[in-house]
């Protein structure tokens, strides 16, 4: 059993003041694997005070000093990658191979991207006889999810560090160990006391306390749209900046000229990669009505060949979903799809054959789905794909955009078809013919998928205030 009962505040591991014990359950075994302390208002106050005190000096450090600091963080991070991968695998169910590569590896990518952005960022701009300058925004509260825990932590910490901000991290209570190890990385790298603080807790407790705190200048939140709305409301009274990356219901459009097999395989790989637990997972596969049967047969073959297995093992299998609540939600949505008349091609309710323990979900495929069905509207966050037929390109664009979300979209097709359709999709990111995420590109969405952007120079700018020094060059 991993044990992280203390918070990291002001450069020290300290006991909680009035916190409560919390056990983290291994989703593969349903047994406790980690214990932490859910923090209190007093813990939050102490962490915010430490960050506020540290901001006075850290905000005035040079670009060169912050670059050197990020390089030290990278070196220490690399030394702990295996420890972080083991923790992620045990707590949120990512197979070890995935945890070691994409899950932990993404953090290195974001640290390196922040360093590149910092080297190139124009902190000053002359406008006439005046000067426009970018300055660190201040004390930042960071609330991160469990599905890609390190990816989302480093997506926020790296640019905030580069900007000269100080911060308090509240990681998900479902996957806290990698955050604690990351705090050890920051300590070993020599991050000044108070610049980075870690307070474990849940959303209603520590999350609310941070988003309401008068001395927090910005909240950066990643999670569900429901929780994001609550964060924004909590932050409103103090008019702090709220930066959010929220839910998604991304479409994958098979357009004229698309290779059916490649489009199906690429779409399903993106959905199955993390057992469907990715906000950008393109779980709505939009296909021409004439090709629906062909696409469904190809997709069913991929889904049937996908195995579920122990996340502690190496391999290309998928693991469980994170907890019982998520498992039950997914089971309910699968049943809802069947009740509403979608055709179940493979998968369905219950655990996979031969598995009696753990929150494993059968890779499930529906065809004949209408975009007004529940499974086409709600974010399932599991290994479930819906095939939605369309009649024309115009119909495909309409269906793709007919969602409350707008995080990402995927298109497969000829260059001409892609050029016509991609600009019309209401999404923050459009992946074309197998294009992959890049840590230097802006990440974020339209509509109820959030506001603001992460990664590269775009993420760095989010942690800045802009000041006009009028007449400064006169």
Protein backbone atom coordinates (compact mmCIF):
# COMPACT_ATOMS: atom_id res chain seq x y z
CA UNK A 1 0.00 0.00 0.00
CA UNK A 2 1.37 3.39 -1.03
CA UNK A 3 1.01 6.03 1.66
CA UNK A 4 1.06 9.79 1.07
CA UNK A 5 -0.57 11.25 4.16
CA UNK A 6 1.23 14.59 4.11
CA UNK A 7 0.88 17.62 1.86
CA UNK A 8 3.81 19.40 0.20
CA UNK A 9 3.62 23.05 1.29
CA UNK A 10 6.33 25.70 1.37
CA UNK A 11 9.05 23.22 0.39
CA UNK A 12 8.20 20.76 3.19
CA UNK A 13 6.07 17.66 3.64
CA UNK A 14 3.64 18.67 6.37
CA UNK A 15 0.84 17.03 8.34
CA UNK A 16 -2.71 17.96 7.45
CA UNK A 17 -4.68 20.22 9.81
CA UNK A 18 -8.00 18.48 10.19
CA UNK A 19 -7.90 16.39 7.01
CA UNK A 20 -9.46 12.94 6.60
CA UNK A 21 -8.00 9.62 5.50
CA UNK A 22 -8.91 8.36 2.00
CA UNK A 23 -8.17 5.02 0.35
CA UNK A 24 -7.58 4.71 -3.39
CA UNK A 25 -8.92 1.50 -4.95
CA UNK A 26 -7.04 -0.47 -7.61
CA UNK A 27 -9.68 -0.77 -10.37
CA UNK A 28 -8.32 -4.14 -11.52
CA UNK A 29 -8.45 -5.85 -8.12
CA UNK A 30 -11.00 -3.68 -6.25
CA UNK A 31 -8.55 -3.63 -3.31
CA UNK A 32 -7.05 -0.56 -1.63
CA UNK A 33 -3.70 0.38 -3.15
CA UNK A 34 -2.95 3.87 -1.78
CA UNK A 35 -3.90 6.04 1.19
CA UNK A 36 -3.84 9.82 1.24
CA UNK A 37 -5.21 12.62 3.39
CA UNK A 38 -7.99 14.75 1.94
CA UNK A 39 -7.00 18.26 2.91
CA UNK A 40 -8.88 20.94 4.82
CA UNK A 41 -9.50 24.67 4.49
CA UNK A 42 -6.55 25.22 6.84
CA UNK A 43 -4.29 23.20 4.53
CA UNK A 44 -5.44 25.26 1.55
CA UNK A 45 -4.89 28.54 3.41
CA UNK A 46 -1.37 27.47 4.34
CA UNK A 47 -0.51 26.46 0.76
CA UNK A 48 -1.94 29.65 -0.74
CA UNK A 49 -0.01 31.76 1.77
CA UNK A 50 3.22 29.93 0.86
CA UNK A 51 2.58 30.49 -2.86
CA UNK A 52 1.73 34.15 -2.35
CA UNK A 53 4.91 34.75 -0.35
CA UNK A 54 7.06 32.97 -2.94
CA UNK A 55 5.56 34.91 -5.86
CA UNK A 56 7.25 38.15 -4.79
CA UNK A 57 10.71 36.83 -5.64
CA UNK A 58 9.98 34.05 -8.16
CA UNK A 59 8.01 36.37 -10.45
CA UNK A 60 11.15 38.48 -10.87
CA UNK A 61 13.50 35.63 -11.83
CA UNK A 62 15.10 35.80 -15.26
CA UNK A 63 14.13 33.71 -18.27
CA UNK A 64 17.55 32.06 -18.07
CA UNK A 65 17.00 31.07 -14.43
CA UNK A 66 13.59 29.55 -15.19
CA UNK A 67 14.97 27.67 -18.18
CA UNK A 68 17.71 26.20 -16.01
CA UNK A 69 15.08 25.23 -13.43
CA UNK A 70 12.94 23.46 -16.04
CA UNK A 71 16.01 21.55 -17.27
CA UNK A 72 16.63 20.34 -13.71
CA UNK A 73 13.00 19.28 -13.41
CA UNK A 74 13.32 17.30 -16.66
CA UNK A 75 16.41 15.48 -15.35
CA UNK A 76 14.74 14.57 -12.05
CA UNK A 77 11.51 13.60 -13.82
CA UNK A 78 13.37 11.14 -16.05
CA UNK A 79 14.86 9.49 -12.97
CA UNK A 80 11.38 8.78 -11.55
CA UNK A 81 9.49 7.75 -14.67
CA UNK A 82 9.22 4.09 -13.73
CA UNK A 83 7.89 4.93 -10.25
CA UNK A 84 5.24 7.21 -11.73
CA UNK A 85 4.21 4.62 -14.33
CA UNK A 86 3.74 1.95 -11.66
CA UNK A 87 1.56 4.33 -9.63
CA UNK A 88 -0.62 5.32 -12.59
CA UNK A 89 -1.12 1.70 -13.61
CA UNK A 90 -2.20 0.65 -10.12
CA UNK A 91 -4.50 3.61 -9.42
CA UNK A 92 -6.35 4.33 -12.67
CA UNK A 93 -5.85 1.08 -14.56
CA UNK A 94 -3.64 2.02 -17.50
CA UNK A 95 -1.71 -1.02 -18.76
CA UNK A 96 1.92 -0.73 -17.75
CA UNK A 97 3.12 -0.37 -21.33
CA UNK A 98 0.81 2.60 -21.86
CA UNK A 99 1.68 4.08 -18.47
CA UNK A 100 5.42 3.94 -19.24
CA UNK A 101 5.09 5.48 -22.69
CA UNK A 102 2.16 7.79 -23.35
CA UNK A 103 1.06 8.46 -19.77
CA UNK A 104 4.43 9.33 -18.22
CA UNK A 105 6.17 10.25 -21.47
CA UNK A 106 3.72 13.06 -22.16
CA UNK A 107 5.09 14.96 -19.15
CA UNK A 108 8.55 15.16 -20.71
CA UNK A 109 6.98 16.48 -23.91
CA UNK A 110 5.20 19.28 -22.07
CA UNK A 111 8.27 20.28 -20.07
CA UNK A 112 10.35 20.47 -23.24
CA UNK A 113 7.60 22.37 -25.03
CA UNK A 114 7.38 24.90 -22.18
CA UNK A 115 11.15 25.42 -22.36
CA UNK A 116 10.97 26.04 -26.12
CA UNK A 117 8.08 28.46 -25.68
CA UNK A 118 9.92 30.33 -22.93
CA UNK A 119 13.01 30.78 -25.10
CA UNK A 120 10.95 32.26 -27.94
CA UNK A 121 8.27 34.18 -26.04
CA UNK A 122 8.13 37.95 -26.65
CA UNK A 123 7.63 39.38 -23.17
CA UNK A 124 7.79 42.97 -24.47
CA UNK A 125 6.41 44.71 -27.55
CA UNK A 126 6.87 48.35 -28.54
CA UNK A 127 3.65 50.02 -29.69
CA UNK A 128 4.29 53.58 -30.78
CA UNK A 129 6.04 55.30 -27.89
CA UNK A 130 4.66 52.78 -25.38
CA UNK A 131 5.49 49.28 -24.19
CA UNK A 132 3.22 46.26 -23.84
CA UNK A 133 4.59 43.70 -21.41
CA UNK A 134 3.58 40.20 -20.32
CA UNK A 135 3.85 39.43 -16.60
CA UNK A 136 3.09 36.29 -14.56
CA UNK A 137 -0.51 36.30 -13.40
CA UNK A 138 0.25 35.34 -9.79
CA UNK A 139 -0.88 32.44 -7.62
CA UNK A 140 -2.45 29.64 -9.67
CA UNK A 141 -4.67 26.85 -8.35
CA UNK A 142 -4.51 23.71 -10.49
CA UNK A 143 -7.20 21.04 -10.33
CA UNK A 144 -6.41 17.98 -12.43
CA UNK A 145 -8.18 14.73 -13.39
CA UNK A 146 -7.36 11.03 -13.12
CA UNK A 147 -7.55 9.85 -16.73
CA UNK A 148 -4.21 11.27 -17.92
CA UNK A 149 -2.93 12.38 -14.52
CA UNK A 150 0.65 13.39 -15.29
CA UNK A 151 -0.17 14.76 -18.71
CA UNK A 152 -2.64 17.20 -17.18
CA UNK A 153 -0.45 18.07 -14.20
CA UNK A 154 2.57 18.93 -16.34
CA UNK A 155 0.41 20.70 -18.96
CA UNK A 156 -0.31 23.23 -16.23
CA UNK A 157 2.80 23.22 -14.05
CA UNK A 158 5.34 23.57 -16.87
CA UNK A 159 3.94 26.79 -18.43
CA UNK A 160 3.13 28.28 -15.02
CA UNK A 161 6.73 27.66 -13.93
CA UNK A 162 8.01 29.12 -17.20
CA UNK A 163 5.82 32.21 -16.76
CA UNK A 164 7.07 32.88 -13.23
CA UNK A 165 3.87 31.95 -11.41
CA UNK A 166 3.55 30.11 -8.13
CA UNK A 167 1.04 27.32 -7.72
CA UNK A 168 -1.02 24.91 -5.65
CA UNK A 169 -1.86 21.57 -7.24
CA UNK A 170 -4.89 19.51 -6.25
CA UNK A 171 -4.59 16.25 -8.18
CA UNK A 172 -7.42 13.78 -8.49
CA UNK A 173 -8.00 11.72 -5.38
CA UNK A 174 -8.42 8.73 -7.73
CA UNK A 175 -4.79 8.87 -8.95
CA UNK A 176 -2.74 10.87 -6.44
CA UNK A 177 0.54 8.96 -6.17
CA UNK A 178 2.10 10.19 -9.40
CA UNK A 179 1.41 13.75 -8.22
CA UNK A 180 3.19 13.05 -4.92
CA UNK A 181 6.17 11.62 -6.80
CA UNK A 182 6.09 14.67 -9.06
CA UNK A 183 6.27 16.86 -5.93
CA UNK A 184 9.38 14.90 -4.95
CA UNK A 185 10.75 15.61 -8.44
CA UNK A 186 10.14 19.34 -8.01
CA UNK A 187 11.80 19.28 -4.60
CA UNK A 188 14.85 17.39 -5.89
CA UNK A 189 15.16 19.84 -8.80
CA UNK A 190 15.49 22.73 -6.38
CA UNK A 191 12.21 24.51 -7.12
CA UNK A 192 12.18 27.33 -4.54
CA UNK A 193 10.03 26.80 -1.45
CA UNK A 194 6.43 27.90 -1.99
CA UNK A 195 6.63 27.99 -5.79
CA UNK A 196 5.05 24.55 -6.10
CA UNK A 197 2.66 23.21 -3.46
CA UNK A 198 0.58 20.04 -3.36
CA UNK A 199 -2.63 19.61 -1.34
CA UNK A 200 -4.53 16.37 -1.83
CA UNK A 201 -8.29 16.49 -1.62
CA UNK A 202 -11.59 16.07 -3.39
CA UNK A 203 -13.52 18.56 -5.50
CA UNK A 204 -16.15 19.65 -2.97
CA UNK A 205 -13.46 20.16 -0.30
CA UNK A 206 -10.05 21.34 -1.50
CA UNK A 207 -11.25 22.10 -5.04
CA UNK A 208 -13.93 24.47 -3.79
CA UNK A 209 -11.62 26.06 -1.23
CA UNK A 210 -9.02 26.81 -3.90
CA UNK A 211 -11.44 28.15 -6.51
CA UNK A 212 -13.05 30.47 -3.95
CA UNK A 213 -9.82 31.65 -2.28
CA UNK A 214 -9.33 35.40 -2.39
CA UNK A 215 -5.55 35.11 -2.79
CA UNK A 216 -5.70 32.77 -5.78
CA UNK A 217 -5.38 34.77 -9.00
CA UNK A 218 -6.21 31.99 -11.46
CA UNK A 219 -7.79 28.54 -11.48
CA UNK A 220 -6.73 26.09 -14.17
CA UNK A 221 -9.15 23.16 -14.22
CA UNK A 222 -9.40 19.99 -16.28
CA UNK A 223 -12.34 17.66 -15.77
CA UNK A 224 -16.03 17.26 -16.50
CA UNK A 225 -18.16 20.10 -17.78
CA UNK A 226 -20.41 19.72 -14.72
CA UNK A 227 -17.47 20.23 -12.35
CA UNK A 228 -16.06 23.01 -14.52
CA UNK A 229 -19.28 24.99 -14.20
CA UNK A 230 -19.07 24.64 -10.41
CA UNK A 231 -15.46 25.87 -10.43
CA UNK A 232 -16.40 28.90 -12.52
CA UNK A 233 -19.26 29.79 -10.19
CA UNK A 234 -17.02 29.44 -7.14
CA UNK A 235 -14.41 31.66 -8.73
CA UNK A 236 -16.82 34.36 -9.84
CA UNK A 237 -17.01 36.25 -6.55
CA UNK A 238 -13.29 37.03 -6.66
CA UNK A 239 -13.20 37.64 -10.44
CA UNK A 240 -10.17 35.41 -10.90
CA UNK A 241 -9.19 34.00 -14.26
CA UNK A 242 -10.73 30.59 -14.94
CA UNK A 243 -8.98 28.37 -17.48
CA UNK A 244 -10.80 25.16 -18.35
CA UNK A 245 -10.43 22.03 -20.44
CA UNK A 246 -13.69 20.13 -20.08
CA UNK A 247 -15.69 17.32 -21.69
CA UNK A 248 -15.93 16.18 -25.27
CA UNK A 249 -18.01 14.09 -27.65
CA UNK A 250 -15.71 14.15 -30.63
CA UNK A 251 -16.76 13.04 -34.11
CA UNK A 252 -14.64 11.12 -36.60
CA UNK A 253 -15.80 11.86 -40.13
CA UNK A 254 -15.20 9.38 -42.95
CA UNK A 255 -15.38 11.62 -46.02
CA UNK A 256 -15.18 11.13 -49.77
CA UNK A 257 -11.89 9.45 -50.68
CA UNK A 258 -11.29 7.99 -47.21
CA UNK A 259 -9.74 4.56 -46.81
CA UNK A 260 -12.49 2.77 -44.84
CA UNK A 261 -10.18 0.32 -43.08
CA UNK A 262 -7.64 3.01 -42.15
CA UNK A 263 -10.33 5.43 -40.94
CA UNK A 264 -11.98 2.76 -38.78
CA UNK A 265 -8.69 1.52 -37.36
CA UNK A 266 -7.42 5.03 -36.61
CA UNK A 267 -10.67 6.04 -34.92
CA UNK A 268 -10.92 2.93 -32.79
CA UNK A 269 -7.26 3.09 -31.75
CA UNK A 270 -7.85 6.61 -30.40
CA UNK A 271 -10.92 5.50 -28.44
CA UNK A 272 -9.48 2.25 -27.07
CA UNK A 273 -6.02 3.64 -26.19
CA UNK A 274 -6.89 4.54 -22.60
CA UNK A 275 -9.98 2.32 -22.25
CA UNK A 276 -12.01 5.17 -23.74
CA UNK A 277 -11.02 7.51 -20.91
CA UNK A 278 -9.80 10.41 -23.06
CA UNK A 279 -11.63 13.69 -23.48
CA UNK A 280 -10.71 13.85 -27.19
CA UNK A 281 -11.69 10.23 -27.95
CA UNK A 282 -13.53 10.32 -31.33
CA UNK A 283 -16.29 7.95 -30.22
CA UNK A 284 -18.83 9.14 -32.83
CA UNK A 285 -17.83 7.57 -36.15
CA UNK A 286 -19.73 9.32 -38.94
CA UNK A 287 -19.85 7.28 -42.17
CA UNK A 288 -21.69 7.57 -45.49
CA UNK A 289 -24.92 5.55 -45.25
CA UNK A 290 -23.84 3.40 -48.20
CA UNK A 291 -20.67 2.36 -46.33
CA UNK A 292 -22.19 1.77 -42.89
CA UNK A 293 -22.23 -2.04 -43.13
CA UNK A 294 -18.65 -2.15 -44.40
CA UNK A 295 -17.46 0.22 -41.66
CA UNK A 296 -19.39 -1.72 -38.97
CA UNK A 297 -17.84 -5.02 -40.07
CA UNK A 298 -14.33 -3.55 -40.01
CA UNK A 299 -14.92 -1.92 -36.63
CA UNK A 300 -16.42 -5.06 -35.10
CA UNK A 301 -13.34 -7.02 -36.16
CA UNK A 302 -11.07 -4.56 -34.34
CA UNK A 303 -13.24 -4.47 -31.22
CA UNK A 304 -13.46 -8.27 -31.02
CA UNK A 305 -9.68 -8.53 -31.31
CA UNK A 306 -9.18 -6.11 -28.40
CA UNK A 307 -8.49 -7.92 -25.15
CA UNK A 308 -8.92 -6.73 -21.57
CA UNK A 309 -6.24 -7.63 -19.06
CA UNK A 310 -4.27 -6.89 -15.91
CA UNK A 311 -2.86 -3.36 -16.08
CA UNK A 312 0.22 -4.57 -14.19
CA UNK A 313 1.17 -6.62 -17.25
CA UNK A 314 3.02 -5.35 -20.31
CA UNK A 315 1.12 -5.54 -23.59
CA UNK A 316 -1.38 -3.98 -25.95
CA UNK A 317 -4.50 -4.99 -24.01
CA UNK A 318 -6.78 -2.43 -22.40
CA UNK A 319 -7.28 -2.09 -18.66
CA UNK A 320 -10.31 -1.38 -16.49
CA UNK A 321 -12.05 1.95 -16.16
CA UNK A 322 -11.13 3.94 -13.09
CA UNK A 323 -13.77 3.01 -10.51
CA UNK A 324 -17.12 1.45 -9.75
CA UNK A 325 -19.04 4.69 -10.32
CA UNK A 326 -17.64 5.06 -13.83
CA UNK A 327 -18.23 1.37 -14.59
CA UNK A 328 -21.87 1.59 -13.54
CA UNK A 329 -22.38 4.78 -15.57
CA UNK A 330 -20.96 3.10 -18.69
CA UNK A 331 -23.09 -0.02 -18.16
CA UNK A 332 -26.17 2.18 -17.91
CA UNK A 333 -25.33 4.00 -21.14
CA UNK A 334 -24.71 0.73 -23.00
CA UNK A 335 -28.13 -0.51 -21.90
CA UNK A 336 -29.64 2.84 -22.88
CA UNK A 337 -28.23 2.47 -26.39
CA UNK A 338 -29.86 -0.93 -26.71
CA UNK A 339 -33.17 0.37 -25.36
CA UNK A 340 -33.21 3.30 -27.78
CA UNK A 341 -32.82 1.02 -30.79
CA UNK A 342 -29.15 1.15 -31.74
CA UNK A 343 -27.74 -2.08 -33.19
CA UNK A 344 -25.27 -3.78 -30.86
CA UNK A 345 -22.53 -5.12 -33.14
CA UNK A 346 -20.25 -6.46 -30.42
CA UNK A 347 -19.65 -6.08 -26.69
CA UNK A 348 -22.53 -5.08 -24.46
CA UNK A 349 -23.26 -4.96 -20.74
CA UNK A 350 -21.27 -6.79 -18.09
CA UNK A 351 -17.64 -7.72 -17.67
CA UNK A 352 -15.66 -9.43 -20.44
CA UNK A 353 -15.81 -13.22 -20.47
CA UNK A 354 -13.52 -14.82 -17.93
CA UNK A 355 -13.16 -11.69 -15.77
CA UNK A 356 -15.04 -11.66 -12.47
CA UNK A 357 -13.22 -8.87 -10.58
CA UNK A 358 -12.35 -5.33 -11.53
CA UNK A 359 -14.06 -2.54 -13.44
CA UNK A 360 -13.46 -3.95 -16.92
CA UNK A 361 -15.79 -2.98 -19.77
CA UNK A 362 -16.34 -5.00 -22.93
CA UNK A 363 -15.17 -3.10 -26.04
CA UNK A 364 -18.61 -2.19 -27.37
CA UNK A 365 -19.74 -1.11 -30.83
CA UNK A 366 -23.13 0.24 -31.89
CA UNK A 367 -24.26 0.90 -35.44
CA UNK A 368 -27.47 2.47 -36.72
CA UNK A 369 -27.11 5.26 -34.19
CA UNK A 370 -28.99 8.53 -34.54
CA UNK A 371 -27.37 11.67 -33.23
CA UNK A 372 -30.33 12.32 -30.91
CA UNK A 373 -29.75 9.04 -29.01
CA UNK A 374 -28.29 9.25 -25.51
CA UNK A 375 -25.13 7.36 -26.50
CA UNK A 376 -24.49 9.97 -29.20
CA UNK A 377 -25.06 12.92 -26.85
CA UNK A 378 -23.44 12.00 -23.54
CA UNK A 379 -19.72 11.57 -22.93
CA UNK A 380 -19.44 7.84 -22.15
CA UNK A 381 -15.74 7.82 -21.15
CA UNK A 382 -15.35 4.10 -21.83
CA UNK A 383 -14.44 1.77 -24.74
CA UNK A 384 -17.73 2.37 -26.56
CA UNK A 385 -18.01 3.52 -30.19
CA UNK A 386 -21.13 4.62 -32.06
CA UNK A 387 -21.45 4.48 -35.86
CA UNK A 388 -23.73 7.22 -37.19
CA UNK A 389 -24.68 7.13 -40.90
CA UNK A 390 -25.01 10.35 -42.89
CA UNK A 391 -26.54 11.17 -46.27
CA UNK A 392 -24.32 13.95 -47.61
CA UNK A 393 -21.28 16.01 -46.75
CA UNK A 394 -23.54 18.78 -45.55
CA UNK A 395 -25.36 16.28 -43.35
CA UNK A 396 -22.03 15.06 -41.94
CA UNK A 397 -21.00 18.59 -40.93
CA UNK A 398 -24.40 19.19 -39.33
CA UNK A 399 -24.21 15.99 -37.28
CA UNK A 400 -20.58 16.60 -36.27
CA UNK A 401 -21.42 20.06 -34.95
CA UNK A 402 -24.71 18.99 -33.33
CA UNK A 403 -23.25 18.58 -29.84
CA UNK A 404 -22.83 20.68 -26.72
CA UNK A 405 -19.10 20.04 -26.94
CA UNK A 406 -16.35 21.21 -29.26
CA UNK A 407 -13.04 19.84 -28.04
CA UNK A 408 -11.80 17.98 -31.11
CA UNK A 409 -12.76 16.28 -34.36
CA UNK A 410 -11.14 13.81 -36.72
CA UNK A 411 -11.49 13.73 -40.51
CA UNK A 412 -10.41 11.14 -43.06
CA UNK A 413 -10.72 11.79 -46.78
CA UNK A 414 -9.25 13.25 -49.93
CA UNK A 415 -7.35 16.55 -49.68
CA UNK A 416 -10.24 18.30 -51.39
CA UNK A 417 -12.88 16.89 -49.03
CA UNK A 418 -10.80 17.66 -45.96
CA UNK A 419 -10.24 21.25 -47.11
CA UNK A 420 -13.98 21.73 -47.52
CA UNK A 421 -14.99 20.19 -44.20
CA UNK A 422 -12.25 20.81 -41.61
CA UNK A 423 -12.74 24.62 -41.43
CA UNK A 424 -16.47 24.13 -40.80
CA UNK A 425 -16.08 21.92 -37.74
CA UNK A 426 -16.73 23.72 -34.47
CA UNK A 427 -13.85 22.22 -32.52
CA UNK A 428 -10.60 23.48 -31.05
CA UNK A 429 -8.56 20.74 -32.70
CA UNK A 430 -9.12 18.90 -35.98
CA UNK A 431 -6.95 15.85 -36.65
CA UNK A 432 -6.60 15.12 -40.36
CA UNK A 433 -5.88 11.71 -41.91
CA UNK A 434 -4.10 10.31 -38.89
CA UNK A 435 -2.56 13.53 -37.55
CA UNK A 436 -1.35 13.14 -33.96
CA UNK A 437 -1.28 15.51 -30.95
CA UNK A 438 1.74 17.78 -30.73
CA UNK A 439 2.79 19.42 -27.42
CA UNK A 440 3.55 22.69 -29.22
CA UNK A 441 0.04 23.05 -30.66
CA UNK A 442 -2.86 24.69 -28.79
CA UNK A 443 -5.07 22.23 -26.91
CA UNK A 444 -8.58 23.25 -25.90
CA UNK A 445 -12.14 23.45 -27.11
CA UNK A 446 -15.19 25.41 -28.19
CA UNK A 447 -18.58 25.58 -26.48
CA UNK A 448 -18.95 23.47 -23.30
CA UNK A 449 -15.53 21.92 -23.81
CA UNK A 450 -14.00 24.88 -22.02
CA UNK A 451 -12.06 28.07 -22.61
CA UNK A 452 -8.41 28.96 -22.96
CA UNK A 453 -5.65 26.81 -24.40
CA UNK A 454 -2.83 24.60 -23.14
CA UNK A 455 0.58 23.63 -24.57
CA UNK A 456 3.42 25.55 -26.19
CA UNK A 457 3.37 29.32 -26.49
CA UNK A 458 -0.44 29.28 -26.29
CA UNK A 459 -0.39 27.64 -22.88
CA UNK A 460 2.38 29.95 -21.66
CA UNK A 461 0.34 33.03 -22.59
CA UNK A 462 -2.60 31.79 -20.48
CA UNK A 463 -0.54 32.27 -17.30
CA UNK A 464 0.31 35.90 -18.14
CA UNK A 465 -1.26 39.28 -17.51
CA UNK A 466 -0.81 41.97 -20.17
CA UNK A 467 0.23 45.46 -19.10
CA UNK A 468 0.40 48.64 -21.19
CA UNK A 469 3.18 50.99 -20.09
CA UNK A 470 1.95 54.11 -21.81
CA UNK A 471 4.60 56.56 -22.91
CA UNK A 472 7.35 54.36 -21.53
CA UNK A 473 9.55 54.86 -24.59
CA UNK A 474 8.96 58.62 -24.87
